[in-house]
């Protein structure tokens, strides 16, 4: 007998804003919003566990974490530059 759950367990990962728009974002167009440096699509070479966050998927070219966002006090998320 199968059980019916009130709230099904999600089986797909969360969609990004670009996915929701149905468009591809070129990794070459992503920069750190705080310093403007182009990011690389790899986790940082080190990660501060005290932040209490999962390791980021992006880092600076030198493998350091993206700059701390002034608004949140946490590492920033990359932004797309307009060309």
PDB file of N, CA and C in Angstrom:
ATOM      1  N   UNK A   1       0.842  -1.179   0.000  1.00  0.00           N
ATOM      2  CA  UNK A   1       0.000   0.000   0.000  1.00  0.00           C
ATOM      3  C   UNK A   1       0.890   1.245   0.000  1.00  0.00           C
ATOM      4  N   UNK A   2       0.705   2.095  -0.944  1.00  0.00           N
ATOM      5  CA  UNK A   2       1.508   3.320  -1.067  1.00  0.00           C
ATOM      6  C   UNK A   2       0.977   4.388  -0.121  1.00  0.00           C
ATOM      7  N   UNK A   3       1.883   5.134   0.457  1.00  0.00           N
ATOM      8  CA  UNK A   3       1.508   6.225   1.355  1.00  0.00           C
ATOM      9  C   UNK A   3       1.448   7.525   0.574  1.00  0.00           C
ATOM     10  N   UNK A   4       0.455   8.299   0.851  1.00  0.00           N
ATOM     11  CA  UNK A   4       0.328   9.620   0.236  1.00  0.00           C
ATOM     12  C   UNK A   4       0.877  10.654   1.203  1.00  0.00           C
ATOM     13  N   UNK A   5       1.858  11.422   0.766  1.00  0.00           N
ATOM     14  CA  UNK A   5       2.435  12.453   1.606  1.00  0.00           C
ATOM     15  C   UNK A   5       1.759  13.774   1.322  1.00  0.00           C
ATOM     16  N   UNK A   6       1.553  14.525   2.373  1.00  0.00           N
ATOM     17  CA  UNK A   6       0.935  15.836   2.233  1.00  0.00           C
ATOM     18  C   UNK A   6       1.814  16.768   1.396  1.00  0.00           C
ATOM     19  N   UNK A   7       3.138  16.689   1.631  1.00  0.00           N
ATOM     20  CA  UNK A   7       4.093  17.504   0.890  1.00  0.00           C
ATOM     21  C   UNK A   7       5.118  16.575   0.262  1.00  0.00           C
ATOM     22  N   UNK A   8       5.113  16.429  -1.053  1.00  0.00           N
ATOM     23  CA  UNK A   8       6.071  15.521  -1.680  1.00  0.00           C
ATOM     24  C   UNK A   8       7.506  16.012  -1.486  1.00  0.00           C
ATOM     25  N   UNK A   9       8.424  15.072  -1.418  1.00  0.00           N
ATOM     26  CA  UNK A   9       9.832  15.405  -1.282  1.00  0.00           C
ATOM     27  C   UNK A   9      10.342  15.861  -2.652  1.00  0.00           C
ATOM     28  N   UNK A  10      10.982  17.050  -2.714  1.00  0.00           N
ATOM     29  CA  UNK A  10      11.469  17.514  -4.007  1.00  0.00           C
ATOM     30  C   UNK A  10      12.563  16.596  -4.543  1.00  0.00           C
ATOM     31  N   UNK A  11      12.531  16.331  -5.815  1.00  0.00           N
ATOM     32  CA  UNK A  11      13.516  15.443  -6.427  1.00  0.00           C
ATOM     33  C   UNK A  11      14.425  16.175  -7.395  1.00  0.00           C
ATOM     34  N   UNK A  12      14.170  17.441  -7.656  1.00  0.00           N
ATOM     35  CA  UNK A  12      14.995  18.210  -8.572  1.00  0.00           C
ATOM     36  C   UNK A  12      15.701  19.317  -7.809  1.00  0.00           C
ATOM     37  N   UNK A  13      16.921  19.668  -8.245  1.00  0.00           N
ATOM     38  CA  UNK A  13      17.623  20.760  -7.576  1.00  0.00           C
ATOM     39  C   UNK A  13      16.922  22.091  -7.815  1.00  0.00           C
ATOM     40  N   UNK A  14      17.206  23.038  -6.950  1.00  0.00           N
ATOM     41  CA  UNK A  14      16.653  24.380  -7.091  1.00  0.00           C
ATOM     42  C   UNK A  14      17.105  24.992  -8.408  1.00  0.00           C
ATOM     43  N   UNK A  15      16.218  25.692  -9.069  1.00  0.00           N
ATOM     44  CA  UNK A  15      16.553  26.323 -10.349  1.00  0.00           C
ATOM     45  C   UNK A  15      17.135  27.702 -10.091  1.00  0.00           C
ATOM     46  N   UNK A  16      18.117  28.056 -10.891  1.00  0.00           N
ATOM     47  CA  UNK A  16      18.708  29.389 -10.777  1.00  0.00           C
ATOM     48  C   UNK A  16      17.847  30.386 -11.536  1.00  0.00           C
ATOM     49  N   UNK A  17      18.116  31.663 -11.345  1.00  0.00           N
ATOM     50  CA  UNK A  17      17.369  32.706 -12.042  1.00  0.00           C
ATOM     51  C   UNK A  17      17.514  32.552 -13.549  1.00  0.00           C
ATOM     52  N   UNK A  18      18.717  32.206 -13.999  1.00  0.00           N
ATOM     53  CA  UNK A  18      18.934  32.025 -15.442  1.00  0.00           C
ATOM     54  C   UNK A  18      18.106  30.856 -15.966  1.00  0.00           C
ATOM     55  N   UNK A  19      18.023  29.756 -15.181  1.00  0.00           N
ATOM     56  CA  UNK A  19      17.202  28.621 -15.584  1.00  0.00           C
ATOM     57  C   UNK A  19      15.744  29.037 -15.701  1.00  0.00           C
ATOM     58  N   UNK A  20      15.273  29.816 -14.726  1.00  0.00           N
ATOM     59  CA  UNK A  20      13.879  30.246 -14.713  1.00  0.00           C
ATOM     60  C   UNK A  20      13.559  31.081 -15.942  1.00  0.00           C
ATOM     61  N   UNK A  21      14.545  31.836 -16.406  1.00  0.00           N
ATOM     62  CA  UNK A  21      14.345  32.658 -17.602  1.00  0.00           C
ATOM     63  C   UNK A  21      14.532  31.848 -18.881  1.00  0.00           C
ATOM     64  N   UNK A  22      15.052  30.629 -18.743  1.00  0.00           N
ATOM     65  CA  UNK A  22      15.253  29.780 -19.896  1.00  0.00           C
ATOM     66  C   UNK A  22      16.389  30.238 -20.785  1.00  0.00           C
ATOM     67  N   UNK A  23      17.425  30.829 -20.180  1.00  0.00           N
ATOM     68  CA  UNK A  23      18.548  31.286 -20.986  1.00  0.00           C
ATOM     69  C   UNK A  23      19.859  30.854 -20.350  1.00  0.00           C
ATOM     70  N   UNK A  24      20.887  30.805 -21.162  1.00  0.00           N
ATOM     71  CA  UNK A  24      22.222  30.414 -20.736  1.00  0.00           C
ATOM     72  C   UNK A  24      23.011  31.653 -20.350  1.00  0.00           C
ATOM     73  N   UNK A  25      23.728  31.592 -19.227  1.00  0.00           N
ATOM     74  CA  UNK A  25      24.614  32.674 -18.824  1.00  0.00           C
ATOM     75  C   UNK A  25      26.039  32.198 -19.066  1.00  0.00           C
ATOM     76  N   UNK A  26      26.766  32.905 -19.904  1.00  0.00           N
ATOM     77  CA  UNK A  26      28.146  32.558 -20.213  1.00  0.00           C
ATOM     78  C   UNK A  26      29.001  32.805 -18.973  1.00  0.00           C
ATOM     79  N   UNK A  27      29.729  31.796 -18.494  1.00  0.00           N
ATOM     80  CA  UNK A  27      30.579  31.995 -17.319  1.00  0.00           C
ATOM     81  C   UNK A  27      31.574  33.137 -17.482  1.00  0.00           C
ATOM     82  N   UNK A  28      31.948  33.458 -18.710  1.00  0.00           N
ATOM     83  CA  UNK A  28      32.867  34.572 -18.972  1.00  0.00           C
ATOM     84  C   UNK A  28      32.242  35.913 -18.605  1.00  0.00           C
ATOM     85  N   UNK A  29      30.912  35.952 -18.472  1.00  0.00           N
ATOM     86  CA  UNK A  29      30.199  37.194 -18.160  1.00  0.00           C
ATOM     87  C   UNK A  29      29.903  37.358 -16.672  1.00  0.00           C
ATOM     88  N   UNK A  30      30.452  36.486 -15.822  1.00  0.00           N
ATOM     89  CA  UNK A  30      30.182  36.569 -14.390  1.00  0.00           C
ATOM     90  C   UNK A  30      31.343  37.246 -13.664  1.00  0.00           C
ATOM     91  N   UNK A  31      31.006  38.201 -12.798  1.00  0.00           N
ATOM     92  CA  UNK A  31      32.014  38.922 -12.023  1.00  0.00           C
ATOM     93  C   UNK A  31      31.603  38.981 -10.558  1.00  0.00           C
ATOM     94  N   UNK A  32      32.581  39.251  -9.712  1.00  0.00           N
ATOM     95  CA  UNK A  32      32.313  39.484  -8.291  1.00  0.00           C
ATOM     96  C   UNK A  32      31.677  40.871  -8.192  1.00  0.00           C
ATOM     97  N   UNK A  33      30.516  41.003  -7.564  1.00  0.00           N
ATOM     98  CA  UNK A  33      29.840  42.299  -7.518  1.00  0.00           C
ATOM     99  C   UNK A  33      30.552  43.340  -6.658  1.00  0.00           C
ATOM    100  N   UNK A  34      31.436  42.898  -5.778  1.00  0.00           N
ATOM    101  CA  UNK A  34      32.116  43.834  -4.891  1.00  0.00           C
ATOM    102  C   UNK A  34      33.390  44.407  -5.502  1.00  0.00           C
ATOM    103  N   UNK A  35      34.196  43.565  -6.179  1.00  0.00           N
ATOM    104  CA  UNK A  35      35.467  44.055  -6.730  1.00  0.00           C
ATOM    105  C   UNK A  35      35.493  44.106  -8.254  1.00  0.00           C
ATOM    106  N   UNK A  36      34.532  43.439  -8.907  1.00  0.00           N
ATOM    107  CA  UNK A  36      34.454  43.472 -10.371  1.00  0.00           C
ATOM    108  C   UNK A  36      35.356  42.479 -11.074  1.00  0.00           C
ATOM    109  N   UNK A  37      36.082  41.651 -10.321  1.00  0.00           N
ATOM    110  CA  UNK A  37      36.965  40.661 -10.938  1.00  0.00           C
ATOM    111  C   UNK A  37      36.147  39.527 -11.539  1.00  0.00           C
ATOM    112  N   UNK A  38      36.583  39.049 -12.710  1.00  0.00           N
ATOM    113  CA  UNK A  38      35.920  37.915 -13.336  1.00  0.00           C
ATOM    114  C   UNK A  38      36.063  36.709 -12.419  1.00  0.00           C
ATOM    115  N   UNK A  39      35.003  35.915 -12.291  1.00  0.00           N
ATOM    116  CA  UNK A  39      35.031  34.748 -11.416  1.00  0.00           C
ATOM    117  C   UNK A  39      35.368  33.505 -12.212  1.00  0.00           C
ATOM    118  N   UNK A  40      35.749  32.477 -11.489  1.00  0.00           N
ATOM    119  CA  UNK A  40      35.938  31.160 -12.114  1.00  0.00           C
ATOM    120  C   UNK A  40      34.849  30.254 -11.555  1.00  0.00           C
ATOM    121  N   UNK A  41      34.412  29.309 -12.340  1.00  0.00           N
ATOM    122  CA  UNK A  41      33.291  28.437 -11.973  1.00  0.00           C
ATOM    123  C   UNK A  41      33.786  27.221 -11.204  1.00  0.00           C
ATOM    124  N   UNK A  42      34.510  27.488 -10.116  1.00  0.00           N
ATOM    125  CA  UNK A  42      35.016  26.435  -9.240  1.00  0.00           C
ATOM    126  C   UNK A  42      34.913  26.925  -7.802  1.00  0.00           C
ATOM    127  N   UNK A  43      34.740  26.004  -6.867  1.00  0.00           N
ATOM    128  CA  UNK A  43      34.688  26.419  -5.456  1.00  0.00           C
ATOM    129  C   UNK A  43      36.001  27.065  -5.035  1.00  0.00           C
ATOM    130  N   UNK A  44      35.974  27.880  -3.992  1.00  0.00           N
ATOM    131  CA  UNK A  44      37.215  28.467  -3.485  1.00  0.00           C
ATOM    132  C   UNK A  44      38.181  27.381  -3.007  1.00  0.00           C
ATOM    133  N   UNK A  45      39.456  27.718  -3.005  1.00  0.00           N
ATOM    134  CA  UNK A  45      40.464  26.774  -2.527  1.00  0.00           C
ATOM    135  C   UNK A  45      40.357  26.529  -1.034  1.00  0.00           C
ATOM    136  N   UNK A  46      39.729  27.435  -0.314  1.00  0.00           N
ATOM    137  CA  UNK A  46      39.465  27.278   1.118  1.00  0.00           C
ATOM    138  C   UNK A  46      38.100  27.885   1.406  1.00  0.00           C
ATOM    139  N   UNK A  47      37.508  27.478   2.499  1.00  0.00           N
ATOM    140  CA  UNK A  47      36.171  27.968   2.839  1.00  0.00           C
ATOM    141  C   UNK A  47      36.082  28.098   4.349  1.00  0.00           C
ATOM    142  N   UNK A  48      35.601  29.219   4.844  1.00  0.00           N
ATOM    143  CA  UNK A  48      35.495  29.456   6.275  1.00  0.00           C
ATOM    144  C   UNK A  48      34.233  28.771   6.793  1.00  0.00           C
ATOM    145  N   UNK A  49      34.424  27.712   7.571  1.00  0.00           N
ATOM    146  CA  UNK A  49      33.302  26.936   8.088  1.00  0.00           C
ATOM    147  C   UNK A  49      32.427  27.794   9.000  1.00  0.00           C
ATOM    148  N   UNK A  50      33.009  28.783   9.641  1.00  0.00           N
ATOM    149  CA  UNK A  50      32.260  29.640  10.563  1.00  0.00           C
ATOM    150  C   UNK A  50      31.123  30.388   9.868  1.00  0.00           C
ATOM    151  N   UNK A  51      31.181  30.526   8.551  1.00  0.00           N
ATOM    152  CA  UNK A  51      30.101  31.198   7.831  1.00  0.00           C
ATOM    153  C   UNK A  51      28.813  30.390   7.917  1.00  0.00           C
ATOM    154  N   UNK A  52      28.950  29.091   8.166  1.00  0.00           N
ATOM    155  CA  UNK A  52      27.770  28.242   8.287  1.00  0.00           C
ATOM    156  C   UNK A  52      27.038  28.041   6.974  1.00  0.00           C
ATOM    157  N   UNK A  53      27.728  28.195   5.877  1.00  0.00           N
ATOM    158  CA  UNK A  53      27.129  28.068   4.548  1.00  0.00           C
ATOM    159  C   UNK A  53      27.810  26.942   3.786  1.00  0.00           C
ATOM    160  N   UNK A  54      27.105  26.315   2.854  1.00  0.00           N
ATOM    161  CA  UNK A  54      27.781  25.341   1.997  1.00  0.00           C
ATOM    162  C   UNK A  54      28.813  26.061   1.140  1.00  0.00           C
ATOM    163  N   UNK A  55      29.850  25.380   0.758  1.00  0.00           N
ATOM    164  CA  UNK A  55      30.902  25.987  -0.068  1.00  0.00           C
ATOM    165  C   UNK A  55      30.311  26.555  -1.348  1.00  0.00           C
ATOM    166  N   UNK A  56      30.789  27.707  -1.721  1.00  0.00           N
ATOM    167  CA  UNK A  56      30.299  28.387  -2.923  1.00  0.00           C
ATOM    168  C   UNK A  56      30.738  27.648  -4.185  1.00  0.00           C
ATOM    169  N   UNK A  57      30.043  27.884  -5.266  1.00  0.00           N
ATOM    170  CA  UNK A  57      30.383  27.270  -6.541  1.00  0.00           C
ATOM    171  C   UNK A  57      31.262  28.158  -7.406  1.00  0.00           C
ATOM    172  N   UNK A  58      31.571  29.361  -6.913  1.00  0.00           N
ATOM    173  CA  UNK A  58      32.375  30.315  -7.678  1.00  0.00           C
ATOM    174  C   UNK A  58      33.471  30.881  -6.796  1.00  0.00           C
ATOM    175  N   UNK A  59      34.547  31.328  -7.422  1.00  0.00           N
ATOM    176  CA  UNK A  59      35.649  31.937  -6.678  1.00  0.00           C
ATOM    177  C   UNK A  59      36.366  32.939  -7.584  1.00  0.00           C
ATOM    178  N   UNK A  60      37.275  33.720  -6.969  1.00  0.00           N
ATOM    179  CA  UNK A  60      38.122  34.627  -7.748  1.00  0.00           C
ATOM    180  C   UNK A  60      39.128  33.803  -8.549  1.00  0.00           C
ATOM    181  N   UNK A  61      39.830  34.431  -9.470  1.00  0.00           N
ATOM    182  CA  UNK A  61      40.811  33.746 -10.297  1.00  0.00           C
ATOM    183  C   UNK A  61      41.938  33.127  -9.469  1.00  0.00           C
ATOM    184  N   UNK A  62      42.230  33.698  -8.281  1.00  0.00           N
ATOM    185  CA  UNK A  62      43.293  33.146  -7.424  1.00  0.00           C
ATOM    186  C   UNK A  62      42.764  32.077  -6.466  1.00  0.00           C
ATOM    187  N   UNK A  63      41.552  31.610  -6.674  1.00  0.00           N
ATOM    188  CA  UNK A  63      40.887  30.558  -5.892  1.00  0.00           C
ATOM    189  C   UNK A  63      40.412  31.032  -4.522  1.00  0.00           C
ATOM    190  N   UNK A  64      40.439  32.347  -4.259  1.00  0.00           N
ATOM    191  CA  UNK A  64      39.900  32.854  -3.004  1.00  0.00           C
ATOM    192  C   UNK A  64      38.384  32.994  -3.123  1.00  0.00           C
ATOM    193  N   UNK A  65      37.709  32.974  -1.981  1.00  0.00           N
ATOM    194  CA  UNK A  65      36.255  33.151  -1.977  1.00  0.00           C
ATOM    195  C   UNK A  65      35.921  34.543  -2.512  1.00  0.00           C
ATOM    196  N   UNK A  66      34.722  34.693  -3.072  1.00  0.00           N
ATOM    197  CA  UNK A  66      34.302  36.012  -3.536  1.00  0.00           C
ATOM    198  C   UNK A  66      34.247  36.965  -2.350  1.00  0.00           C
ATOM    199  N   UNK A  67      34.356  38.252  -2.632  1.00  0.00           N
ATOM    200  CA  UNK A  67      34.377  39.275  -1.587  1.00  0.00           C
ATOM    201  C   UNK A  67      33.124  39.197  -0.717  1.00  0.00           C
ATOM    202  N   UNK A  68      33.260  39.650   0.502  1.00  0.00           N
ATOM    203  CA  UNK A  68      32.121  39.690   1.417  1.00  0.00           C
ATOM    204  C   UNK A  68      31.208  40.839   0.987  1.00  0.00           C
ATOM    205  N   UNK A  69      29.938  40.537   0.801  1.00  0.00           N
ATOM    206  CA  UNK A  69      28.956  41.551   0.394  1.00  0.00           C
ATOM    207  C   UNK A  69      28.707  42.501   1.562  1.00  0.00           C
ATOM    208  N   UNK A  70      28.746  43.783   1.294  1.00  0.00           N
ATOM    209  CA  UNK A  70      28.517  44.775   2.343  1.00  0.00           C
ATOM    210  C   UNK A  70      27.112  44.661   2.926  1.00  0.00           C
ATOM    211  N   UNK A  71      26.158  44.284   2.109  1.00  0.00           N
ATOM    212  CA  UNK A  71      24.762  44.231   2.561  1.00  0.00           C
ATOM    213  C   UNK A  71      24.453  43.035   3.459  1.00  0.00           C
ATOM    214  N   UNK A  72      25.174  41.923   3.280  1.00  0.00           N
ATOM    215  CA  UNK A  72      24.853  40.707   4.039  1.00  0.00           C
ATOM    216  C   UNK A  72      25.947  40.259   4.991  1.00  0.00           C
ATOM    217  N   UNK A  73      27.178  40.698   4.752  1.00  0.00           N
ATOM    218  CA  UNK A  73      28.293  40.231   5.567  1.00  0.00           C
ATOM    219  C   UNK A  73      28.724  38.819   5.226  1.00  0.00           C
ATOM    220  N   UNK A  74      28.242  38.296   4.117  1.00  0.00           N
ATOM    221  CA  UNK A  74      28.579  36.946   3.657  1.00  0.00           C
ATOM    222  C   UNK A  74      29.206  37.034   2.275  1.00  0.00           C
ATOM    223  N   UNK A  75      29.881  35.975   1.844  1.00  0.00           N
ATOM    224  CA  UNK A  75      30.467  35.998   0.505  1.00  0.00           C
ATOM    225  C   UNK A  75      29.392  36.288  -0.548  1.00  0.00           C
ATOM    226  N   UNK A  76      29.740  37.132  -1.488  1.00  0.00           N
ATOM    227  CA  UNK A  76      28.801  37.560  -2.527  1.00  0.00           C
ATOM    228  C   UNK A  76      28.527  36.446  -3.530  1.00  0.00           C
ATOM    229  N   UNK A  77      27.436  36.587  -4.245  1.00  0.00           N
ATOM    230  CA  UNK A  77      27.114  35.732  -5.386  1.00  0.00           C
ATOM    231  C   UNK A  77      27.540  36.483  -6.639  1.00  0.00           C
ATOM    232  N   UNK A  78      28.075  35.790  -7.647  1.00  0.00           N
ATOM    233  CA  UNK A  78      28.498  36.496  -8.854  1.00  0.00           C
ATOM    234  C   UNK A  78      27.312  37.121  -9.574  1.00  0.00           C
ATOM    235  N   UNK A  79      27.603  38.178 -10.321  1.00  0.00           N
ATOM    236  CA  UNK A  79      26.573  38.847 -11.120  1.00  0.00           C
ATOM    237  C   UNK A  79      27.011  38.847 -12.568  1.00  0.00           C
ATOM    238  N   UNK A  80      26.046  38.924 -13.443  1.00  0.00           N
ATOM    239  CA  UNK A  80      26.308  38.949 -14.889  1.00  0.00           C
ATOM    240  C   UNK A  80      26.577  40.394 -15.315  1.00  0.00           C
ATOM    241  N   UNK A  81      27.637  40.574 -16.099  1.00  0.00           N
ATOM    242  CA  UNK A  81      27.946  41.893 -16.604  1.00  0.00           C
ATOM    243  C   UNK A  81      27.176  42.117 -17.893  1.00  0.00           C
ATOM    244  N   UNK A  82      26.763  43.335 -18.122  1.00  0.00           N
ATOM    245  CA  UNK A  82      26.054  43.659 -19.365  1.00  0.00           C
ATOM    246  C   UNK A  82      27.046  43.995 -20.462  1.00  0.00           C
ATOM    247  N   UNK A  83      26.851  43.384 -21.592  1.00  0.00           N
ATOM    248  CA  UNK A  83      27.747  43.664 -22.736  1.00  0.00           C
ATOM    249  C   UNK A  83      26.976  44.310 -23.831  1.00  0.00           C
TER     250      UNK A  83
END
